[in-house]
Amino acid sequence: MTSRKRQKKVQKQSRQSVSAFVGSWSFLLSLAFLILTVWPLMHLFLMNEIKEAQYRIDAIRNNITRIQQSIIEIDSEIARLSRADRIKQIAVHKLGMVDSQPTVDVIEVE
């Protein structure tokens, strides 16, 4: 092979290796750019989702506390309304019922 052919072959190989090198660097730079732009956006999006979920959890916990307080108040009201002396007072005064005396019935067997 002549020296010119060798030089052209070497130049061609060097151009191919340079273009492969530049191509791989452009891919790596594109990948780095993509990672550096997408990562913060994904992080912000996920942090926002987490905060919204925490707000919803807090709202549900507040509702649970409020409902438990209502249950306690209703139980107290039931206990107050079902007291025997209150029921007797309503029966006697509002319904006109009379307080009966217990009687003893005797049954004779022959």
Protein backbone atom coordinates (compact mmCIF):
# COMPACT_ATOMS: atom_id res chain seq x y z
CA MET A 1 0.00 0.00 0.00
CA THR A 2 1.23 3.39 -0.74
CA SER A 3 1.69 5.92 1.94
CA ARG A 4 -1.11 8.06 0.53
CA LYS A 5 -3.58 5.23 0.76
CA ARG A 6 -2.47 4.55 4.30
CA GLN A 7 -2.86 8.19 5.24
CA LYS A 8 -6.36 8.29 3.74
CA LYS A 9 -7.28 5.07 5.55
CA VAL A 10 -5.93 6.43 8.86
CA GLN A 11 -7.73 9.72 8.32
CA LYS A 12 -10.97 7.89 7.54
CA GLN A 13 -10.64 5.74 10.65
CA SER A 14 -9.83 8.76 12.79
CA ARG A 15 -12.88 10.60 11.42
CA GLN A 16 -15.08 7.61 12.21
CA SER A 17 -13.70 7.32 15.72
CA VAL A 18 -14.10 11.09 16.25
CA SER A 19 -17.68 10.98 14.99
CA ALA A 20 -18.42 7.97 17.23
CA PHE A 21 -16.81 9.79 20.14
CA VAL A 22 -18.82 12.96 19.47
CA GLY A 23 -21.98 10.90 18.98
CA SER A 24 -21.52 9.13 22.30
CA TRP A 25 -20.80 12.43 24.06
CA SER A 26 -23.88 14.05 22.57
CA PHE A 27 -25.93 11.09 23.76
CA LEU A 28 -24.44 11.36 27.25
CA LEU A 29 -24.99 15.11 27.36
CA SER A 30 -28.57 14.68 26.20
CA LEU A 31 -29.13 12.03 28.82
CA ALA A 32 -27.58 14.21 31.53
CA PHE A 33 -29.72 17.17 30.46
CA LEU A 34 -32.82 15.02 30.52
CA ILE A 35 -32.01 13.65 33.98
CA LEU A 36 -31.17 17.09 35.35
CA THR A 37 -34.43 18.60 34.10
CA VAL A 38 -36.81 15.72 34.71
CA TRP A 39 -35.56 14.79 38.19
CA PRO A 40 -36.37 18.15 39.85
CA LEU A 41 -39.75 18.29 38.13
CA MET A 42 -40.62 14.77 39.27
CA HIS A 43 -39.41 15.62 42.76
CA LEU A 44 -41.63 18.71 42.91
CA PHE A 45 -44.58 16.78 41.55
CA LEU A 46 -44.17 13.96 44.08
CA MET A 47 -43.66 16.36 46.99
CA ASN A 48 -46.84 18.17 46.00
CA GLU A 49 -48.73 14.87 45.86
CA ILE A 50 -47.40 13.91 49.30
CA LYS A 51 -48.48 17.25 50.79
CA GLU A 52 -51.96 16.91 49.29
CA ALA A 53 -52.25 13.40 50.70
CA GLN A 54 -51.18 14.69 54.12
CA TYR A 55 -53.85 17.43 53.96
CA ARG A 56 -56.48 14.84 53.09
CA ILE A 57 -55.30 12.58 55.94
CA ASP A 58 -55.48 15.50 58.38
CA ALA A 59 -58.99 16.37 57.19
CA ILE A 60 -60.10 12.75 57.65
CA ARG A 61 -58.57 12.65 61.13
CA ASN A 62 -60.41 15.86 62.03
CA ASN A 63 -63.65 14.32 60.77
CA ILE A 64 -63.02 11.18 62.84
CA THR A 65 -62.41 13.28 65.96
CA ARG A 66 -65.56 15.34 65.34
CA ILE A 67 -67.67 12.22 64.78
CA GLN A 68 -66.26 10.56 67.91
CA GLN A 69 -67.20 13.71 69.89
CA SER A 70 -70.72 13.54 68.43
CA ILE A 71 -71.00 9.87 69.43
CA ILE A 72 -70.00 10.74 73.00
CA GLU A 73 -72.60 13.53 73.11
CA ILE A 74 -75.32 11.26 71.68
CA ASP A 75 -74.49 8.49 74.17
CA SER A 76 -74.73 11.03 76.98
CA GLU A 77 -78.09 12.24 75.66
CA ILE A 78 -79.37 8.64 75.42
CA ALA A 79 -78.29 7.96 79.00
CA ARG A 80 -80.03 11.14 80.19
CA LEU A 81 -83.25 10.41 78.31
CA SER A 82 -83.46 6.76 79.36
CA ARG A 83 -83.15 7.33 83.12
CA ALA A 84 -85.91 5.51 85.02
CA ASP A 85 -86.96 8.54 87.11
CA ARG A 86 -87.40 10.68 83.99
CA ILE A 87 -89.49 7.99 82.27
CA LYS A 88 -91.64 7.60 85.40
CA GLN A 89 -92.18 11.36 85.62
CA ILE A 90 -93.28 11.54 81.97
CA ALA A 91 -95.58 8.51 82.43
CA VAL A 92 -97.26 9.98 85.48
CA HIS A 93 -97.49 13.67 84.52
CA LYS A 94 -97.85 13.66 80.74
CA LEU A 95 -99.54 10.34 80.06
CA GLY A 96 -101.69 10.25 83.20
CA MET A 97 -100.52 6.85 84.29
CA VAL A 98 -100.76 5.95 87.96
CA ASP A 99 -98.16 4.37 90.13
CA SER A 100 -99.55 0.96 90.97
CA GLN A 101 -98.95 -0.79 94.25
CA PRO A 102 -97.65 -4.30 93.97
CA THR A 103 -100.30 -6.82 94.91
CA VAL A 104 -99.96 -10.35 96.04
CA ASP A 105 -102.30 -12.90 94.57
CA VAL A 106 -102.77 -16.08 96.50
CA ILE A 107 -103.78 -19.19 94.70
CA GLU A 108 -105.07 -22.00 96.84
CA VAL A 109 -104.57 -25.51 95.62
CA GLU A 110 -106.83 -28.28 96.96
